[in-house]
PDB file of N, CA and C in Angstrom:
ATOM      1  N   UNK A   1       0.780  -1.129  -0.029  1.00  0.00           N
ATOM      2  CA  UNK A   1      -0.032   0.015  -0.009  1.00  0.00           C
ATOM      3  C   UNK A   1       0.900   1.331  -0.089  1.00  0.00           C
ATOM      4  N   UNK A   2       0.565   2.037  -0.741  1.00  0.00           N
ATOM      5  CA  UNK A   2       1.420   3.344  -0.969  1.00  0.00           C
ATOM      6  C   UNK A   2       0.993   4.412   0.259  1.00  0.00           C
ATOM      7  N   UNK A   3       2.139   5.055   0.654  1.00  0.00           N
ATOM      8  CA  UNK A   3       1.638   5.970   1.801  1.00  0.00           C
ATOM      9  C   UNK A   3       1.266   7.244   1.254  1.00  0.00           C
ATOM     10  N   UNK A   4       0.404   7.776   1.920  1.00  0.00           N
ATOM     11  CA  UNK A   4      -0.005   9.132   1.248  1.00  0.00           C
ATOM     12  C   UNK A   4       0.458  10.350   2.143  1.00  0.00           C
ATOM     13  N   UNK A   5       0.807  11.365   1.494  1.00  0.00           N
ATOM     14  CA  UNK A   5       1.501  12.513   1.922  1.00  0.00           C
ATOM     15  C   UNK A   5       0.297  13.474   2.443  1.00  0.00           C
ATOM     16  N   UNK A   6       0.466  13.855   3.522  1.00  0.00           N
ATOM     17  CA  UNK A   6      -0.017  14.981   4.326  1.00  0.00           C
ATOM     18  C   UNK A   6       0.784  16.235   4.386  1.00  0.00           C
ATOM     19  N   UNK A   7      -0.039  17.357   4.034  1.00  0.00           N
ATOM     20  CA  UNK A   7       0.806  18.644   4.127  1.00  0.00           C
ATOM     21  C   UNK A   7      -0.078  19.546   4.673  1.00  0.00           C
ATOM     22  N   UNK A   8       0.503  20.212   5.838  1.00  0.00           N
ATOM     23  CA  UNK A   8      -0.194  21.334   6.414  1.00  0.00           C
ATOM     24  C   UNK A   8       0.509  22.416   5.949  1.00  0.00           C
ATOM     25  N   UNK A   9      -0.391  23.614   5.699  1.00  0.00           N
ATOM     26  CA  UNK A   9       0.107  24.745   5.166  1.00  0.00           C
ATOM     27  C   UNK A   9      -0.326  25.887   5.986  1.00  0.00           C
ATOM     28  N   UNK A  10       0.637  26.685   6.432  1.00  0.00           N
ATOM     29  CA  UNK A  10       0.258  27.951   7.247  1.00  0.00           C
ATOM     30  C   UNK A  10       0.763  28.986   6.591  1.00  0.00           C
ATOM     31  N   UNK A  11      -0.042  29.902   6.365  1.00  0.00           N
ATOM     32  CA  UNK A  11       0.127  31.347   5.579  1.00  0.00           C
ATOM     33  C   UNK A  11       0.707  32.188   6.749  1.00  0.00           C
ATOM     34  N   UNK A  12       1.965  32.796   6.489  1.00  0.00           N
ATOM     35  CA  UNK A  12       2.432  33.695   7.223  1.00  0.00           C
ATOM     36  C   UNK A  12       3.081  34.983   6.496  1.00  0.00           C
ATOM     37  N   UNK A  13       3.075  36.174   7.300  1.00  0.00           N
ATOM     38  CA  UNK A  13       3.591  37.322   6.685  1.00  0.00           C
ATOM     39  C   UNK A  13       5.058  37.437   6.725  1.00  0.00           C
ATOM     40  N   UNK A  14       5.587  36.977   7.903  1.00  0.00           N
ATOM     41  CA  UNK A  14       7.193  37.063   8.179  1.00  0.00           C
ATOM     42  C   UNK A  14       7.769  35.635   7.899  1.00  0.00           C
ATOM     43  N   UNK A  15       7.995  35.141   6.783  1.00  0.00           N
ATOM     44  CA  UNK A  15       8.524  33.906   6.435  1.00  0.00           C
ATOM     45  C   UNK A  15       9.807  33.749   7.299  1.00  0.00           C
ATOM     46  N   UNK A  16      10.792  34.536   7.056  1.00  0.00           N
ATOM     47  CA  UNK A  16      11.853  34.463   7.761  1.00  0.00           C
ATOM     48  C   UNK A  16      11.868  34.225   9.331  1.00  0.00           C
ATOM     49  N   UNK A  17      11.257  34.869   9.849  1.00  0.00           N
ATOM     50  CA  UNK A  17      11.140  34.716  11.267  1.00  0.00           C
ATOM     51  C   UNK A  17      10.405  33.376  11.572  1.00  0.00           C
ATOM     52  N   UNK A  18       9.488  32.980  10.818  1.00  0.00           N
ATOM     53  CA  UNK A  18       8.696  31.818  11.250  1.00  0.00           C
ATOM     54  C   UNK A  18       9.628  30.684  10.941  1.00  0.00           C
ATOM     55  N   UNK A  19      10.357  30.628   9.794  1.00  0.00           N
ATOM     56  CA  UNK A  19      11.304  29.631   9.505  1.00  0.00           C
ATOM     57  C   UNK A  19      12.314  29.370  10.550  1.00  0.00           C
ATOM     58  N   UNK A  20      12.951  30.484  11.265  1.00  0.00           N
ATOM     59  CA  UNK A  20      13.723  30.319  12.386  1.00  0.00           C
ATOM     60  C   UNK A  20      13.055  29.611  13.513  1.00  0.00           C
ATOM     61  N   UNK A  21      11.631  30.074  13.891  1.00  0.00           N
ATOM     62  CA  UNK A  21      11.046  29.536  14.920  1.00  0.00           C
ATOM     63  C   UNK A  21      10.909  27.935  14.811  1.00  0.00           C
ATOM     64  N   UNK A  22      10.321  27.593  13.498  1.00  0.00           N
ATOM     65  CA  UNK A  22      10.042  26.294  13.330  1.00  0.00           C
ATOM     66  C   UNK A  22      11.494  25.393  13.214  1.00  0.00           C
ATOM     67  N   UNK A  23      12.433  26.028  12.774  1.00  0.00           N
ATOM     68  CA  UNK A  23      13.727  25.192  12.612  1.00  0.00           C
ATOM     69  C   UNK A  23      14.384  25.024  14.110  1.00  0.00           C
ATOM     70  N   UNK A  24      14.551  26.367  14.706  1.00  0.00           N
ATOM     71  CA  UNK A  24      15.336  26.248  15.716  1.00  0.00           C
ATOM     72  C   UNK A  24      14.701  25.813  17.203  1.00  0.00           C
ATOM     73  N   UNK A  25      13.461  26.513  17.400  1.00  0.00           N
ATOM     74  CA  UNK A  25      12.757  26.288  18.731  1.00  0.00           C
ATOM     75  C   UNK A  25      12.056  25.103  18.642  1.00  0.00           C
ATOM     76  N   UNK A  26      11.227  24.727  17.547  1.00  0.00           N
ATOM     77  CA  UNK A  26      10.608  23.629  17.653  1.00  0.00           C
ATOM     78  C   UNK A  26      11.550  22.385  17.109  1.00  0.00           C
ATOM     79  N   UNK A  27      12.470  22.765  16.459  1.00  0.00           N
ATOM     80  CA  UNK A  27      13.699  21.745  16.190  1.00  0.00           C
ATOM     81  C   UNK A  27      13.230  20.760  15.019  1.00  0.00           C
ATOM     82  N   UNK A  28      12.527  21.358  14.017  1.00  0.00           N
ATOM     83  CA  UNK A  28      12.078  20.623  12.772  1.00  0.00           C
ATOM     84  C   UNK A  28      13.159  20.358  11.888  1.00  0.00           C
ATOM     85  N   UNK A  29      14.474  21.003  12.107  1.00  0.00           N
ATOM     86  CA  UNK A  29      15.481  20.934  11.342  1.00  0.00           C
ATOM     87  C   UNK A  29      15.232  21.908   9.970  1.00  0.00           C
ATOM     88  N   UNK A  30      16.384  21.608   9.146  1.00  0.00           N
ATOM     89  CA  UNK A  30      16.444  22.501   7.951  1.00  0.00           C
ATOM     90  C   UNK A  30      15.151  22.228   7.019  1.00  0.00           C
ATOM     91  N   UNK A  31      14.627  23.088   6.325  1.00  0.00           N
ATOM     92  CA  UNK A  31      13.447  22.917   5.363  1.00  0.00           C
ATOM     93  C   UNK A  31      13.964  21.969   4.348  1.00  0.00           C
ATOM     94  N   UNK A  32      13.025  21.131   3.696  1.00  0.00           N
ATOM     95  CA  UNK A  32      13.261  20.267   2.619  1.00  0.00           C
ATOM     96  C   UNK A  32      13.092  20.946   1.309  1.00  0.00           C
ATOM     97  N   UNK A  33      12.212  21.990   1.650  1.00  0.00           N
ATOM     98  CA  UNK A  33      12.198  23.104   0.455  1.00  0.00           C
ATOM     99  C   UNK A  33      12.103  24.271   0.860  1.00  0.00           C
ATOM    100  N   UNK A  34      12.920  25.134   0.387  1.00  0.00           N
ATOM    101  CA  UNK A  34      13.231  26.637   1.002  1.00  0.00           C
ATOM    102  C   UNK A  34      13.458  27.534   0.003  1.00  0.00           C
ATOM    103  N   UNK A  35      12.668  28.578  -0.218  1.00  0.00           N
ATOM    104  CA  UNK A  35      12.784  29.587  -0.902  1.00  0.00           C
ATOM    105  C   UNK A  35      12.339  31.104  -0.480  1.00  0.00           C
ATOM    106  N   UNK A  36      12.236  32.037  -1.175  1.00  0.00           N
ATOM    107  CA  UNK A  36      11.838  33.233  -0.617  1.00  0.00           C
ATOM    108  C   UNK A  36      10.230  33.375  -0.331  1.00  0.00           C
ATOM    109  N   UNK A  37       9.563  32.310  -0.648  1.00  0.00           N
ATOM    110  CA  UNK A  37       8.065  32.194  -0.510  1.00  0.00           C
ATOM    111  C   UNK A  37       7.486  31.184   0.138  1.00  0.00           C
ATOM    112  N   UNK A  38       8.281  30.200   0.213  1.00  0.00           N
ATOM    113  CA  UNK A  38       7.727  28.884   0.977  1.00  0.00           C
ATOM    114  C   UNK A  38       8.827  28.134   1.795  1.00  0.00           C
ATOM    115  N   UNK A  39       8.682  27.384   2.793  1.00  0.00           N
ATOM    116  CA  UNK A  39       9.493  26.779   3.667  1.00  0.00           C
ATOM    117  C   UNK A  39       9.018  25.539   3.975  1.00  0.00           C
ATOM    118  N   UNK A  40       9.144  24.383   3.512  1.00  0.00           N
ATOM    119  CA  UNK A  40       8.546  23.160   3.997  1.00  0.00           C
ATOM    120  C   UNK A  40       9.560  22.379   4.738  1.00  0.00           C
ATOM    121  N   UNK A  41       8.913  21.886   5.997  1.00  0.00           N
ATOM    122  CA  UNK A  41       9.646  20.866   6.981  1.00  0.00           C
ATOM    123  C   UNK A  41       8.829  19.452   6.906  1.00  0.00           C
ATOM    124  N   UNK A  42       9.884  18.416   6.843  1.00  0.00           N
ATOM    125  CA  UNK A  42       9.396  17.017   6.979  1.00  0.00           C
ATOM    126  C   UNK A  42       9.380  16.730   8.424  1.00  0.00           C
ATOM    127  N   UNK A  43       8.151  16.692   8.804  1.00  0.00           N
ATOM    128  CA  UNK A  43       7.890  16.530  10.400  1.00  0.00           C
ATOM    129  C   UNK A  43       7.692  14.813  10.564  1.00  0.00           C
ATOM    130  N   UNK A  44       7.264  14.093   9.521  1.00  0.00           N
ATOM    131  CA  UNK A  44       7.180  12.674   9.697  1.00  0.00           C
ATOM    132  C   UNK A  44       7.449  12.038   8.357  1.00  0.00           C
ATOM    133  N   UNK A  45       7.335  10.754   8.159  1.00  0.00           N
ATOM    134  CA  UNK A  45       7.585  10.282   6.976  1.00  0.00           C
ATOM    135  C   UNK A  45       6.496  10.412   5.824  1.00  0.00           C
ATOM    136  N   UNK A  46       5.488  11.008   6.414  1.00  0.00           N
ATOM    137  CA  UNK A  46       4.287  11.120   5.652  1.00  0.00           C
ATOM    138  C   UNK A  46       3.648  12.488   5.649  1.00  0.00           C
ATOM    139  N   UNK A  47       4.347  13.455   6.387  1.00  0.00           N
ATOM    140  CA  UNK A  47       3.732  14.677   6.785  1.00  0.00           C
ATOM    141  C   UNK A  47       4.730  15.973   6.484  1.00  0.00           C
ATOM    142  N   UNK A  48       4.370  16.864   5.876  1.00  0.00           N
ATOM    143  CA  UNK A  48       4.882  18.050   5.694  1.00  0.00           C
ATOM    144  C   UNK A  48       4.267  19.200   6.181  1.00  0.00           C
ATOM    145  N   UNK A  49       5.169  19.894   6.792  1.00  0.00           N
ATOM    146  CA  UNK A  49       4.627  21.377   7.347  1.00  0.00           C
ATOM    147  C   UNK A  49       5.136  22.357   6.493  1.00  0.00           C
ATOM    148  N   UNK A  50       4.219  23.037   5.872  1.00  0.00           N
ATOM    149  CA  UNK A  50       4.615  24.276   4.768  1.00  0.00           C
ATOM    150  C   UNK A  50       4.373  25.484   5.484  1.00  0.00           C
ATOM    151  N   UNK A  51       5.348  26.385   5.354  1.00  0.00           N
ATOM    152  CA  UNK A  51       4.909  27.944   5.792  1.00  0.00           C
ATOM    153  C   UNK A  51       5.125  28.634   4.356  1.00  0.00           C
ATOM    154  N   UNK A  52       3.932  29.217   4.002  1.00  0.00           N
ATOM    155  CA  UNK A  52       3.704  30.027   2.822  1.00  0.00           C
ATOM    156  C   UNK A  52       3.684  31.463   3.105  1.00  0.00           C
ATOM    157  N   UNK A  53       4.652  32.252   2.356  1.00  0.00           N
ATOM    158  CA  UNK A  53       4.637  33.623   2.525  1.00  0.00           C
ATOM    159  C   UNK A  53       3.343  34.344   1.763  1.00  0.00           C
ATOM    160  N   UNK A  54       2.750  35.146   2.412  1.00  0.00           N
ATOM    161  CA  UNK A  54       1.544  36.060   2.005  1.00  0.00           C
ATOM    162  C   UNK A  54       1.753  37.419   2.628  1.00  0.00           C
ATOM    163  N   UNK A  55       1.169  38.280   1.675  1.00  0.00           N
ATOM    164  CA  UNK A  55       1.337  39.779   1.881  1.00  0.00           C
ATOM    165  C   UNK A  55      -0.096  40.141   2.595  1.00  0.00           C
ATOM    166  N   UNK A  56      -1.113  39.026   2.702  1.00  0.00           N
ATOM    167  CA  UNK A  56      -2.402  39.411   3.217  1.00  0.00           C
ATOM    168  C   UNK A  56      -2.438  40.110   4.405  1.00  0.00           C
ATOM    169  N   UNK A  57      -3.017  41.378   4.542  1.00  0.00           N
ATOM    170  CA  UNK A  57      -2.857  42.013   5.880  1.00  0.00           C
ATOM    171  C   UNK A  57      -3.849  41.550   6.860  1.00  0.00           C
ATOM    172  N   UNK A  58      -4.816  40.765   6.621  1.00  0.00           N
ATOM    173  CA  UNK A  58      -6.045  40.540   7.241  1.00  0.00           C
ATOM    174  C   UNK A  58      -6.023  39.139   7.741  1.00  0.00           C
ATOM    175  N   UNK A  59      -4.924  38.413   7.868  1.00  0.00           N
ATOM    176  CA  UNK A  59      -4.743  37.231   8.537  1.00  0.00           C
ATOM    177  C   UNK A  59      -5.039  37.274  10.022  1.00  0.00           C
ATOM    178  N   UNK A  60      -5.874  36.238  10.748  1.00  0.00           N
ATOM    179  CA  UNK A  60      -6.184  36.292  11.999  1.00  0.00           C
ATOM    180  C   UNK A  60      -5.759  34.940  12.619  1.00  0.00           C
ATOM    181  N   UNK A  61      -4.469  34.790  12.663  1.00  0.00           N
ATOM    182  CA  UNK A  61      -3.779  33.605  13.101  1.00  0.00           C
ATOM    183  C   UNK A  61      -4.489  33.002  14.562  1.00  0.00           C
ATOM    184  N   UNK A  62      -4.564  33.754  15.346  1.00  0.00           N
ATOM    185  CA  UNK A  62      -4.917  33.325  16.767  1.00  0.00           C
ATOM    186  C   UNK A  62      -6.328  32.847  16.840  1.00  0.00           C
ATOM    187  N   UNK A  63      -7.173  33.583  15.910  1.00  0.00           N
ATOM    188  CA  UNK A  63      -8.635  33.162  15.839  1.00  0.00           C
ATOM    189  C   UNK A  63      -8.979  32.132  14.865  1.00  0.00           C
ATOM    190  N   UNK A  64      -7.944  31.542  13.955  1.00  0.00           N
ATOM    191  CA  UNK A  64      -8.146  30.481  13.101  1.00  0.00           C
ATOM    192  C   UNK A  64      -8.889  29.267  13.647  1.00  0.00           C
ATOM    193  N   UNK A  65      -9.429  28.833  12.649  1.00  0.00           N
ATOM    194  CA  UNK A  65     -10.444  27.591  12.998  1.00  0.00           C
ATOM    195  C   UNK A  65      -9.527  26.291  12.990  1.00  0.00           C
ATOM    196  N   UNK A  66      -8.168  26.288  12.845  1.00  0.00           N
ATOM    197  CA  UNK A  66      -7.524  25.107  12.438  1.00  0.00           C
ATOM    198  C   UNK A  66      -6.148  25.234  13.663  1.00  0.00           C
ATOM    199  N   UNK A  67      -6.131  24.206  14.246  1.00  0.00           N
ATOM    200  CA  UNK A  67      -5.041  24.012  15.261  1.00  0.00           C
ATOM    201  C   UNK A  67      -4.368  22.735  14.965  1.00  0.00           C
ATOM    202  N   UNK A  68      -2.853  22.573  14.844  1.00  0.00           N
ATOM    203  CA  UNK A  68      -2.570  21.371  14.612  1.00  0.00           C
ATOM    204  C   UNK A  68      -1.777  20.900  15.769  1.00  0.00           C
ATOM    205  N   UNK A  69      -1.638  19.494  15.950  1.00  0.00           N
ATOM    206  CA  UNK A  69      -1.009  18.788  16.951  1.00  0.00           C
ATOM    207  C   UNK A  69       0.242  17.936  16.743  1.00  0.00           C
ATOM    208  N   UNK A  70       1.302  17.668  17.480  1.00  0.00           N
ATOM    209  CA  UNK A  70       2.394  16.929  17.402  1.00  0.00           C
ATOM    210  C   UNK A  70       2.906  16.706  18.828  1.00  0.00           C
ATOM    211  N   UNK A  71       3.868  15.787  18.697  1.00  0.00           N
ATOM    212  CA  UNK A  71       4.462  15.418  19.990  1.00  0.00           C
ATOM    213  C   UNK A  71       5.906  15.306  19.744  1.00  0.00           C
ATOM    214  N   UNK A  72       6.464  15.562  20.941  1.00  0.00           N
ATOM    215  CA  UNK A  72       8.041  15.689  20.960  1.00  0.00           C
ATOM    216  C   UNK A  72       8.758  14.583  22.102  1.00  0.00           C
ATOM    217  N   UNK A  73       9.774  14.073  21.916  1.00  0.00           N
ATOM    218  CA  UNK A  73      10.305  13.151  22.871  1.00  0.00           C
ATOM    219  C   UNK A  73      10.719  13.875  24.120  1.00  0.00           C
ATOM    220  N   UNK A  74      10.919  15.194  24.237  1.00  0.00           N
ATOM    221  CA  UNK A  74      11.305  15.766  25.487  1.00  0.00           C
ATOM    222  C   UNK A  74      10.454  17.221  25.638  1.00  0.00           C
ATOM    223  N   UNK A  75       9.426  17.200  26.139  1.00  0.00           N
ATOM    224  CA  UNK A  75       8.395  18.439  26.489  1.00  0.00           C
ATOM    225  C   UNK A  75       9.142  19.240  27.348  1.00  0.00           C
ATOM    226  N   UNK A  76       9.856  19.061  28.172  1.00  0.00           N
ATOM    227  CA  UNK A  76      10.553  20.013  29.325  1.00  0.00           C
ATOM    228  C   UNK A  76      11.671  20.825  28.504  1.00  0.00           C
ATOM    229  N   UNK A  77      12.485  20.008  27.669  1.00  0.00           N
ATOM    230  CA  UNK A  77      13.371  20.831  27.008  1.00  0.00           C
ATOM    231  C   UNK A  77      12.815  21.613  25.918  1.00  0.00           C
ATOM    232  N   UNK A  78      11.682  21.375  25.307  1.00  0.00           N
ATOM    233  CA  UNK A  78      10.779  22.457  24.319  1.00  0.00           C
ATOM    234  C   UNK A  78      10.326  23.441  24.975  1.00  0.00           C
ATOM    235  N   UNK A  79       9.763  23.216  26.162  1.00  0.00           N
ATOM    236  CA  UNK A  79       9.277  24.385  27.025  1.00  0.00           C
ATOM    237  C   UNK A  79      10.532  25.464  27.438  1.00  0.00           C
ATOM    238  N   UNK A  80      11.751  24.737  27.726  1.00  0.00           N
ATOM    239  CA  UNK A  80      12.654  25.729  28.105  1.00  0.00           C
ATOM    240  C   UNK A  80      13.259  26.347  26.795  1.00  0.00           C
ATOM    241  N   UNK A  81      13.346  25.854  25.635  1.00  0.00           N
ATOM    242  CA  UNK A  81      13.602  26.567  24.534  1.00  0.00           C
ATOM    243  C   UNK A  81      12.701  27.743  24.104  1.00  0.00           C
ATOM    244  N   UNK A  82      11.505  27.159  24.305  1.00  0.00           N
ATOM    245  CA  UNK A  82      10.323  28.328  23.972  1.00  0.00           C
ATOM    246  C   UNK A  82      10.418  29.365  24.799  1.00  0.00           C
ATOM    247  N   UNK A  83      10.824  29.208  26.277  1.00  0.00           N
ATOM    248  CA  UNK A  83      10.830  30.164  27.218  1.00  0.00           C
ATOM    249  C   UNK A  83      12.051  31.121  26.804  1.00  0.00           C
ATOM    250  N   UNK A  84      13.196  30.695  26.624  1.00  0.00           N
ATOM    251  CA  UNK A  84      14.249  31.474  26.371  1.00  0.00           C
ATOM    252  C   UNK A  84      14.288  32.152  25.097  1.00  0.00           C
ATOM    253  N   UNK A  85      13.413  31.597  24.177  1.00  0.00           N
ATOM    254  CA  UNK A  85      13.220  32.252  22.850  1.00  0.00           C
ATOM    255  C   UNK A  85      12.146  33.471  22.847  1.00  0.00           C
ATOM    256  N   UNK A  86      11.402  33.508  24.183  1.00  0.00           N
ATOM    257  CA  UNK A  86      10.446  34.574  24.225  1.00  0.00           C
ATOM    258  C   UNK A  86       9.063  34.054  24.081  1.00  0.00           C
ATOM    259  N   UNK A  87       8.883  32.846  24.079  1.00  0.00           N
ATOM    260  CA  UNK A  87       7.511  32.318  24.015  1.00  0.00           C
ATOM    261  C   UNK A  87       7.232  31.344  25.092  1.00  0.00           C
ATOM    262  N   UNK A  88       5.896  31.085  25.554  1.00  0.00           N
ATOM    263  CA  UNK A  88       5.693  29.914  26.354  1.00  0.00           C
ATOM    264  C   UNK A  88       4.448  29.039  25.967  1.00  0.00           C
ATOM    265  N   UNK A  89       4.723  28.052  26.560  1.00  0.00           N
ATOM    266  CA  UNK A  89       3.746  26.922  26.224  1.00  0.00           C
ATOM    267  C   UNK A  89       2.693  26.833  27.721  1.00  0.00           C
ATOM    268  N   UNK A  90       1.550  26.795  27.520  1.00  0.00           N
ATOM    269  CA  UNK A  90       0.452  26.910  28.529  1.00  0.00           C
ATOM    270  C   UNK A  90      -0.269  25.651  28.568  1.00  0.00           C
ATOM    271  N   UNK A  91      -0.617  24.994  29.682  1.00  0.00           N
ATOM    272  CA  UNK A  91      -1.355  23.796  29.740  1.00  0.00           C
ATOM    273  C   UNK A  91      -2.583  24.061  29.034  1.00  0.00           C
ATOM    274  N   UNK A  92      -2.904  23.144  28.300  1.00  0.00           N
ATOM    275  CA  UNK A  92      -4.324  23.250  27.374  1.00  0.00           C
ATOM    276  C   UNK A  92      -5.321  22.604  28.334  1.00  0.00           C
ATOM    277  N   UNK A  93      -6.650  23.234  28.242  1.00  0.00           N
ATOM    278  CA  UNK A  93      -7.614  22.568  29.176  1.00  0.00           C
ATOM    279  C   UNK A  93      -7.864  21.115  28.985  1.00  0.00           C
ATOM    280  N   UNK A  94      -7.564  20.388  27.860  1.00  0.00           N
ATOM    281  CA  UNK A  94      -7.723  19.029  27.581  1.00  0.00           C
ATOM    282  C   UNK A  94      -6.902  18.258  28.604  1.00  0.00           C
ATOM    283  N   UNK A  95      -5.615  18.812  29.216  1.00  0.00           N
ATOM    284  CA  UNK A  95      -4.781  18.307  30.175  1.00  0.00           C
ATOM    285  C   UNK A  95      -3.931  17.298  29.420  1.00  0.00           C
ATOM    286  N   UNK A  96      -4.113  16.986  28.143  1.00  0.00           N
ATOM    287  CA  UNK A  96      -3.075  16.196  27.459  1.00  0.00           C
ATOM    288  C   UNK A  96      -2.072  16.694  26.637  1.00  0.00           C
ATOM    289  N   UNK A  97      -2.343  18.125  26.323  1.00  0.00           N
ATOM    290  CA  UNK A  97      -1.349  18.902  25.409  1.00  0.00           C
ATOM    291  C   UNK A  97      -0.989  20.245  26.247  1.00  0.00           C
ATOM    292  N   UNK A  98       0.068  20.889  25.714  1.00  0.00           N
ATOM    293  CA  UNK A  98       0.493  22.092  25.849  1.00  0.00           C
ATOM    294  C   UNK A  98       0.158  23.050  24.747  1.00  0.00           C
ATOM    295  N   UNK A  99      -0.417  24.409  24.955  1.00  0.00           N
ATOM    296  CA  UNK A  99      -0.708  25.188  23.804  1.00  0.00           C
ATOM    297  C   UNK A  99       0.357  26.292  23.593  1.00  0.00           C
ATOM    298  N   UNK A 100       0.698  26.440  22.544  1.00  0.00           N
ATOM    299  CA  UNK A 100       1.771  27.440  22.006  1.00  0.00           C
ATOM    300  C   UNK A 100       1.377  28.153  20.798  1.00  0.00           C
ATOM    301  N   UNK A 101       2.056  29.200  20.509  1.00  0.00           N
ATOM    302  CA  UNK A 101       1.830  29.916  19.233  1.00  0.00           C
ATOM    303  C   UNK A 101       3.276  30.325  18.483  1.00  0.00           C
ATOM    304  N   UNK A 102       3.204  30.416  17.286  1.00  0.00           N
ATOM    305  CA  UNK A 102       4.299  30.736  16.549  1.00  0.00           C
ATOM    306  C   UNK A 102       4.682  32.048  16.457  1.00  0.00           C
ATOM    307  N   UNK A 103       5.461  32.870  15.922  1.00  0.00           N
ATOM    308  CA  UNK A 103       5.780  34.349  16.045  1.00  0.00           C
ATOM    309  C   UNK A 103       4.488  35.137  15.558  1.00  0.00           C
ATOM    310  N   UNK A 104       3.719  34.418  14.789  1.00  0.00           N
ATOM    311  CA  UNK A 104       2.558  35.218  14.151  1.00  0.00           C
ATOM    312  C   UNK A 104       1.036  34.807  14.967  1.00  0.00           C
ATOM    313  N   UNK A 105       1.297  34.052  15.988  1.00  0.00           N
ATOM    314  CA  UNK A 105      -0.016  33.651  16.453  1.00  0.00           C
ATOM    315  C   UNK A 105      -0.673  32.458  16.064  1.00  0.00           C
ATOM    316  N   UNK A 106      -0.007  31.677  15.199  1.00  0.00           N
ATOM    317  CA  UNK A 106      -0.748  30.445  14.741  1.00  0.00           C
ATOM    318  C   UNK A 106      -0.444  29.479  16.002  1.00  0.00           C
ATOM    319  N   UNK A 107      -1.712  28.960  16.264  1.00  0.00           N
ATOM    320  CA  UNK A 107      -1.897  28.018  17.363  1.00  0.00           C
ATOM    321  C   UNK A 107      -1.359  26.557  17.273  1.00  0.00           C
ATOM    322  N   UNK A 108      -0.597  25.936  17.991  1.00  0.00           N
ATOM    323  CA  UNK A 108      -0.221  24.550  18.006  1.00  0.00           C
ATOM    324  C   UNK A 108      -0.537  24.002  19.323  1.00  0.00           C
ATOM    325  N   UNK A 109      -0.871  22.486  19.276  1.00  0.00           N
ATOM    326  CA  UNK A 109      -0.708  21.878  20.513  1.00  0.00           C
ATOM    327  C   UNK A 109       0.416  20.801  20.480  1.00  0.00           C
ATOM    328  N   UNK A 110       0.948  20.779  21.757  1.00  0.00           N
ATOM    329  CA  UNK A 110       2.058  19.822  21.705  1.00  0.00           C
ATOM    330  C   UNK A 110       2.120  18.781  23.062  1.00  0.00           C
ATOM    331  N   UNK A 111       2.562  17.698  22.862  1.00  0.00           N
ATOM    332  CA  UNK A 111       2.660  16.758  24.089  1.00  0.00           C
ATOM    333  C   UNK A 111       3.988  15.925  23.945  1.00  0.00           C
ATOM    334  N   UNK A 112       4.270  15.295  25.030  1.00  0.00           N
ATOM    335  CA  UNK A 112       5.450  14.308  25.123  1.00  0.00           C
ATOM    336  C   UNK A 112       4.986  13.030  24.436  1.00  0.00           C
ATOM    337  N   UNK A 113       5.960  12.460  23.613  1.00  0.00           N
ATOM    338  CA  UNK A 113       5.791  11.161  23.058  1.00  0.00           C
ATOM    339  C   UNK A 113       5.239  10.261  24.273  1.00  0.00           C
ATOM    340  N   UNK A 114       4.468   9.401  23.768  1.00  0.00           N
ATOM    341  CA  UNK A 114       3.963   8.394  24.856  1.00  0.00           C
ATOM    342  C   UNK A 114       4.278   7.085  24.418  1.00  0.00           C
TER     343      UNK A 114
END
């Protein structure tokens, strides 16, 4: 059976700032596709997270209907990187995840690998 590729696309105004955030703080590594208008990170064998540059002034990231989730091997280390980078993770009401935002306010939920 052929694996299907899933791609999460997040539109951002500041591609450079967001690229650094996802590469360094979330430690997604170097983008597999990187240009002046798109940066794609391979976050699993079947999933890409793509940042797409837009000049649209009306984006409301924090009020977006979409929130994506992922897990990390060491949540404490991520929380420390986020804190020292000027961001924080807050416990989500679900109790299973921690809630964070990227530099533009795009919301994500993260938990430690189980």
